[in-house]
Protein backbone atom coordinates (compact mmCIF):
# COMPACT_ATOMS: atom_id res chain seq x y z
CA MET A 1 -0.29 0.09 0.22
CA THR A 2 1.36 3.50 -0.96
CA GLU A 3 2.25 5.56 2.20
CA LEU A 4 0.00 8.70 3.02
CA VAL A 5 2.50 11.77 2.78
CA TRP A 6 0.35 14.69 4.67
CA ASP A 7 2.00 17.56 2.50
CA ASP A 8 -0.20 15.78 -0.36
CA ALA A 9 -3.20 17.65 0.95
CA ARG A 10 -1.58 20.65 0.04
CA VAL A 11 -1.19 19.95 -3.33
CA PHE A 12 -4.89 18.32 -3.91
CA LEU A 13 -5.81 21.68 -2.17
CA ALA A 14 -3.86 23.83 -5.35
CA VAL A 15 -5.13 21.30 -8.03
CA ALA A 16 -9.09 21.64 -6.29
CA ARG A 17 -8.92 25.42 -6.15
CA ALA A 18 -7.35 26.35 -9.82
CA GLY A 19 -8.92 23.21 -11.63
CA THR A 20 -5.66 22.71 -13.86
CA LEU A 21 -2.23 21.21 -12.88
CA THR A 22 -0.44 24.43 -14.41
CA GLY A 23 -2.42 26.84 -12.14
CA ALA A 24 -1.42 24.40 -9.15
CA ALA A 25 1.84 24.33 -10.16
CA LEU A 26 2.50 27.92 -10.23
CA GLN A 27 0.58 28.56 -6.55
CA LEU A 28 2.91 26.09 -5.22
CA ASP A 29 6.49 27.05 -7.10
CA ALA A 30 6.80 23.28 -8.25
CA GLY A 31 6.55 21.68 -11.70
CA VAL A 32 3.71 20.33 -13.29
CA ALA A 33 5.08 16.77 -13.41
CA THR A 34 5.69 17.05 -9.83
CA VAL A 35 1.93 17.80 -8.76
CA SER A 36 0.97 14.92 -11.05
CA ARG A 37 2.93 12.71 -9.54
CA ARG A 38 1.87 13.68 -6.03
CA ILE A 39 -1.89 13.64 -7.10
CA GLU A 40 -1.49 10.36 -8.27
CA ARG A 41 0.80 9.33 -5.04
CA LEU A 42 -2.43 10.22 -2.86
CA GLU A 43 -5.18 9.07 -5.21
CA ALA A 44 -3.06 5.53 -4.31
CA ALA A 45 -2.71 6.36 -0.73
CA LEU A 46 -6.40 6.64 -0.34
CA GLY A 47 -7.43 4.29 -2.97
CA LEU A 48 -9.97 6.68 -4.40
CA PRO A 49 -9.93 9.04 -7.71
CA LEU A 50 -9.77 12.33 -6.53
CA PHE A 51 -10.15 13.81 -9.90
CA ALA A 52 -11.65 13.29 -13.14
CA ARG A 53 -8.97 14.28 -16.03
CA HIS A 54 -10.38 16.49 -18.63
CA GLU A 55 -9.01 18.19 -21.70
CA SER A 56 -9.78 21.34 -20.00
CA GLY A 57 -8.80 21.06 -16.53
CA TYR A 58 -9.08 18.89 -13.61
CA ARG A 59 -12.37 18.30 -11.74
CA LEU A 60 -13.35 17.12 -8.58
CA THR A 61 -14.87 13.47 -8.11
CA ASP A 62 -17.72 12.79 -5.59
CA GLU A 63 -14.79 11.39 -3.70
CA GLY A 64 -12.83 14.32 -4.28
CA GLU A 65 -15.73 16.63 -3.11
CA ALA A 66 -16.03 14.79 0.01
CA MET A 67 -12.41 15.15 0.79
CA LEU A 68 -12.06 18.95 0.32
CA PRO A 69 -13.50 19.79 3.64
CA ARG A 70 -10.88 17.08 5.18
CA ALA A 71 -8.11 19.15 3.55
CA GLU A 72 -9.22 22.41 4.02
CA ALA A 73 -9.40 21.41 7.93
CA LEU A 74 -5.49 20.47 7.82
CA GLU A 75 -4.71 23.32 5.79
CA ASP A 76 -6.50 25.54 8.46
CA ALA A 77 -4.75 23.41 11.43
CA MET A 78 -1.11 24.21 9.92
CA ARG A 79 -1.88 27.87 9.75
CA ALA A 80 -3.00 27.53 13.31
CA PHE A 81 0.49 25.96 13.69
CA ARG A 82 2.60 28.49 12.12
CA SER A 83 1.01 31.26 13.66
CA VAL A 84 2.37 30.58 16.77
CA ALA A 85 5.58 29.97 15.84
CA GLU A 86 5.54 33.06 13.83
CA GLY A 87 4.48 35.17 17.21
CA GLU A 88 0.86 36.67 14.94
CA ALA A 89 0.06 39.00 17.62
CA GLN A 90 3.55 41.39 15.61
CA VAL A 91 0.99 41.28 12.56
CA ALA A 92 1.08 44.82 10.90
CA GLY A 93 0.80 46.43 7.53
CA LEU A 94 -2.28 47.36 4.69
CA VAL A 95 -4.01 44.83 3.54
CA ARG A 96 -6.50 45.57 0.83
CA LEU A 97 -9.67 43.68 0.49
CA ALA A 98 -12.23 43.60 -2.13
CA THR A 99 -15.81 42.63 -2.09
CA ALA A 100 -19.51 43.60 -3.09
CA GLU A 101 -20.95 46.10 -0.83
CA ASN A 102 -23.63 44.03 -0.06
CA LEU A 103 -21.49 41.69 2.00
CA ALA A 104 -18.99 44.60 2.76
CA ASN A 105 -21.80 46.94 4.93
CA PRO A 106 -23.45 43.87 6.82
CA LEU A 107 -21.15 41.07 7.36
CA ILE A 108 -17.72 42.05 6.15
CA ILE A 109 -17.28 45.26 7.90
CA PRO A 110 -18.56 44.51 11.23
CA ALA A 111 -16.85 41.48 11.69
CA LEU A 112 -13.44 43.45 11.86
CA ALA A 113 -13.72 45.02 15.35
CA PRO A 114 -12.35 41.94 17.19
CA LEU A 115 -9.38 41.79 14.13
CA LEU A 116 -8.47 45.31 14.62
CA ALA A 117 -8.43 45.17 18.41
CA ARG A 118 -6.13 41.83 18.53
CA HIS A 119 -3.71 43.58 15.71
CA PRO A 120 -3.30 47.30 16.34
CA ALA A 121 -0.88 47.55 13.31
CA LEU A 122 -3.04 46.12 10.79
CA GLN A 123 -4.64 48.51 8.25
CA ILE A 124 -7.43 47.31 6.23
CA GLU A 125 -8.78 48.86 3.06
CA VAL A 126 -12.11 47.78 1.60
CA LEU A 127 -12.46 48.47 -2.29
CA THR A 128 -16.32 47.39 -3.26
CA ASN A 129 -16.01 48.73 -6.75
CA VAL A 130 -15.56 45.17 -7.49
CA ALA A 131 -15.94 45.83 -11.17
CA THR A 132 -12.92 47.91 -11.63
CA VAL A 133 -10.89 45.74 -8.89
CA ASN A 134 -8.16 43.16 -10.78
CA LEU A 135 -6.70 41.09 -8.01
CA HIS A 136 -4.30 39.56 -10.64
CA ARG A 137 -3.03 43.46 -11.11
CA ARG A 138 -2.66 43.43 -7.43
CA ASP A 139 -5.37 45.91 -7.11
CA ALA A 140 -6.13 44.43 -4.07
CA ASP A 141 -4.40 41.30 -2.25
CA LEU A 142 -7.52 39.24 -1.44
CA ALA A 143 -11.06 39.35 -2.83
CA ILE A 144 -14.86 37.71 -0.85
CA ARG A 145 -16.94 37.19 -4.02
CA MET A 146 -19.98 35.52 -5.44
CA VAL A 147 -18.20 34.89 -8.92
CA ARG A 148 -15.63 32.56 -8.64
CA PRO A 149 -12.24 33.74 -10.53
CA GLU A 150 -11.64 31.72 -13.71
CA ARG A 151 -8.00 33.58 -14.45
CA GLY A 152 -4.81 34.26 -12.87
CA ARG A 153 -2.74 33.23 -10.34
CA VAL A 154 -4.85 32.86 -7.19
CA ALA A 155 -5.48 30.61 -3.89
CA LEU A 156 -9.31 30.01 -4.04
CA ARG A 157 -11.14 28.56 -1.69
CA ARG A 158 -15.10 28.47 -1.24
CA ILE A 159 -16.00 29.61 2.04
CA GLY A 160 -19.87 30.08 2.13
CA THR A 161 -23.16 30.26 0.50
CA VAL A 162 -25.74 32.91 -0.31
CA GLY A 163 -29.43 32.34 -0.42
CA PHE A 164 -31.53 34.11 -2.70
CA GLY A 165 -35.56 34.33 -2.37
CA LEU A 166 -38.45 36.30 -3.47
CA TYR A 167 -39.31 38.85 -1.32
CA GLY A 168 -41.78 42.29 -0.83
CA ALA A 169 -42.99 44.42 2.29
CA PRO A 170 -45.89 43.09 4.37
CA ALA A 171 -48.03 45.45 2.97
CA TYR A 172 -47.71 44.30 -0.60
CA MET A 173 -47.85 40.94 0.83
CA ALA A 174 -51.11 41.38 2.39
CA GLY A 175 -52.21 42.81 -0.77
CA ARG A 176 -51.33 39.83 -3.01
CA SER A 177 -54.03 37.99 -4.85
CA ALA A 178 -51.91 34.86 -4.74
CA ALA A 179 -51.19 32.63 -1.98
CA PRO A 180 -47.73 33.01 -0.44
CA ASP A 181 -46.29 29.48 -2.38
CA ASP A 182 -48.33 30.22 -5.04
CA GLY A 183 -46.29 30.58 -8.57
CA ALA A 184 -48.52 32.48 -10.28
CA PHE A 185 -47.38 36.26 -10.48
CA ASP A 186 -49.62 37.75 -13.22
CA GLY A 187 -50.70 40.39 -10.73
CA ASP A 188 -47.78 41.32 -9.31
CA ARG A 189 -45.40 44.30 -9.74
CA PHE A 190 -41.63 43.04 -10.34
CA ILE A 191 -38.26 45.11 -9.12
CA GLY A 192 -35.30 44.12 -11.42
CA TRP A 193 -32.25 44.81 -13.34
CA THR A 194 -31.43 47.43 -16.02
CA GLU A 195 -30.78 45.78 -19.19
CA GLN A 196 -26.85 46.01 -18.52
CA HIS A 197 -27.18 43.58 -15.77
CA GLY A 198 -29.20 40.95 -17.87
CA HIS A 199 -26.67 38.40 -17.66
CA LEU A 200 -27.14 38.20 -13.73
CA PRO A 201 -29.24 34.87 -12.76
CA ALA A 202 -31.37 36.75 -10.88
CA ALA A 203 -32.23 39.04 -13.93
CA GLN A 204 -32.59 36.23 -16.47
CA TRP A 205 -34.79 33.94 -13.65
CA LEU A 206 -37.54 37.40 -14.10
CA GLU A 207 -37.00 37.27 -17.96
CA ARG A 208 -38.39 33.50 -17.84
CA THR A 209 -40.73 34.24 -15.13
CA LEU A 210 -42.26 37.57 -16.63
CA HIS A 211 -42.31 36.22 -20.56
CA GLY A 212 -41.20 39.61 -21.79
CA ARG A 213 -43.29 41.59 -19.38
CA ARG A 214 -40.74 44.12 -17.96
CA PRO A 215 -40.17 44.85 -14.16
CA ALA A 216 -41.88 47.80 -12.88
CA LEU A 217 -38.96 49.16 -11.71
CA ALA A 218 -35.34 48.19 -12.91
CA THR A 219 -32.08 49.55 -10.73
CA SER A 220 -28.38 49.12 -11.59
CA THR A 221 -27.77 47.63 -7.66
CA LEU A 222 -29.22 45.55 -5.26
CA SER A 223 -28.70 47.95 -2.87
CA ALA A 224 -31.60 50.02 -4.59
CA GLN A 225 -34.04 46.95 -5.05
CA LEU A 226 -33.87 46.03 -1.81
CA SER A 227 -34.86 49.58 -1.07
CA ALA A 228 -37.79 49.58 -3.63
CA ALA A 229 -39.25 46.43 -2.16
CA ARG A 230 -38.97 48.02 1.62
CA ALA A 231 -41.31 50.63 0.08
CA GLY A 232 -43.86 48.20 -1.44
CA LEU A 233 -43.23 48.60 -4.64
CA GLY A 234 -43.06 45.48 -5.60
CA LEU A 235 -41.41 42.01 -5.36
CA ALA A 236 -37.52 41.66 -5.57
CA ILE A 237 -35.24 38.64 -5.63
CA LEU A 238 -32.84 39.29 -2.55
CA PRO A 239 -30.45 37.36 -0.53
CA HIS A 240 -32.23 35.96 2.38
CA PHE A 241 -30.19 37.57 4.89
CA LEU A 242 -30.73 41.27 3.57
CA ALA A 243 -34.22 40.92 3.20
CA ALA A 244 -34.61 39.60 6.85
CA GLU A 245 -32.97 42.15 8.33
CA ALA A 246 -35.20 44.79 6.18
CA GLY A 247 -38.24 42.94 7.72
CA LEU A 248 -39.58 41.77 4.46
CA GLU A 249 -41.56 38.73 3.60
CA ARG A 250 -40.85 35.86 1.33
CA VAL A 251 -42.90 34.20 -1.43
CA ARG A 252 -42.54 30.48 -0.63
CA VAL A 253 -40.97 29.47 -4.19
CA GLU A 254 -37.44 28.13 -5.16
CA LEU A 255 -35.42 30.19 -7.18
CA GLY A 256 -32.42 27.88 -7.64
CA LEU A 257 -30.48 30.95 -7.47
CA ASP A 258 -28.26 30.12 -4.22
CA GLN A 259 -24.39 31.34 -5.05
CA PRO A 260 -21.05 30.54 -3.59
CA ILE A 261 -19.10 32.69 -1.63
CA TRP A 262 -15.46 32.67 -3.29
CA LEU A 263 -12.26 33.79 -1.08
CA ALA A 264 -9.45 34.58 -3.31
CA VAL A 265 -5.81 35.66 -2.50
CA HIS A 266 -2.93 36.51 -4.56
CA ALA A 267 -0.94 33.51 -4.95
CA ASP A 268 2.14 35.90 -4.21
CA LEU A 269 0.79 36.48 -1.11
CA VAL A 270 -0.31 33.19 0.18
CA ALA A 271 2.49 33.09 2.60
CA SER A 272 1.91 36.77 4.08
CA ALA A 273 1.07 36.56 7.80
CA ARG A 274 -1.14 39.81 7.31
CA VAL A 275 -3.12 38.53 4.48
CA ARG A 276 -3.22 35.43 6.18
CA VAL A 277 -4.68 36.36 9.03
CA VAL A 278 -7.43 38.51 7.75
CA ALA A 279 -8.34 35.55 5.29
CA ASP A 280 -8.96 33.28 8.12
CA HIS A 281 -10.60 35.80 10.55
CA LEU A 282 -13.13 36.51 7.33
CA THR A 283 -13.82 32.81 6.50
CA ALA A 284 -14.52 31.90 10.13
CA ALA A 285 -16.95 35.05 10.00
CA VAL A 286 -18.76 33.96 6.96
CA GLN A 287 -18.55 30.53 8.27
CA SER A 288 -20.17 31.64 11.66
CA ARG A 289 -23.01 33.19 10.04
CA GLN A 290 -23.96 30.36 7.35
CA ASN A 291 -27.49 29.68 8.58
CA VAL A 292 -28.60 33.30 8.21
CA LEU A 293 -26.55 33.72 4.69
CA ALA A 294 -28.06 30.68 3.20
CA GLN A 295 -31.84 30.77 4.88
CA GLY A 296 -32.20 33.97 6.64
CA GLN A 297 -32.20 32.51 9.81
CA PRO A 298 -29.93 32.24 12.73
């Protein structure tokens, strides 16, 4: 039986996050052949196929998906072990974080207080105009996003899920002719996205559901849609956690629009103590609120 080498878990994570041997090799500063051999060694030691090999890259098998959280737990344990040796209390300097405003304001910024209290020499810059922030150009050091980066030298990790539902103000919901779990929307007003955002999953769901009928109100930001829904202007597709905080009521239809939350760190900064401390803290903050994020429930 092939001996299990614990450090091969690090290689497994790199391939899972990059999706290619080349991307993983760049993250690990190793050769592609070395990465391939170590994946084969790990699969032999476990007796499991961890990846399906395709022309477009490596994709996790069901066994690989099941192994992913265990490998991440090993990674977290090693980071904690290393932080003691490096003296984490001495973390200092600037960390630039790119994220969406709708994650920054209700979730990320409120979670920063204990981190900054623990590391008074640490500074954090939060960049919410993600359309112009390029992680690969080093505009930011790390990013928390709901769209998976497909290019560049980044270490990638899925840290949570944001659930979406169809919501309206209590007064609007009380005046609806349809039942809360009825999928008929002929009498409803909708709040949606402008044409420039027609590629978004929520915009595409509305287009299918309304059969060409335009929303009563279209906006270019989610925060504007939240305000419009609170004002009783119609139904809007919103993250559960934002709608719950706003006191909105949900139409009981399944949209199938839930989105993963990705943490991306520039590959050159994976070993940076200050970046790692911020990344680990925010990962824990997101995971501690997973029920709220996914379902709108504490």
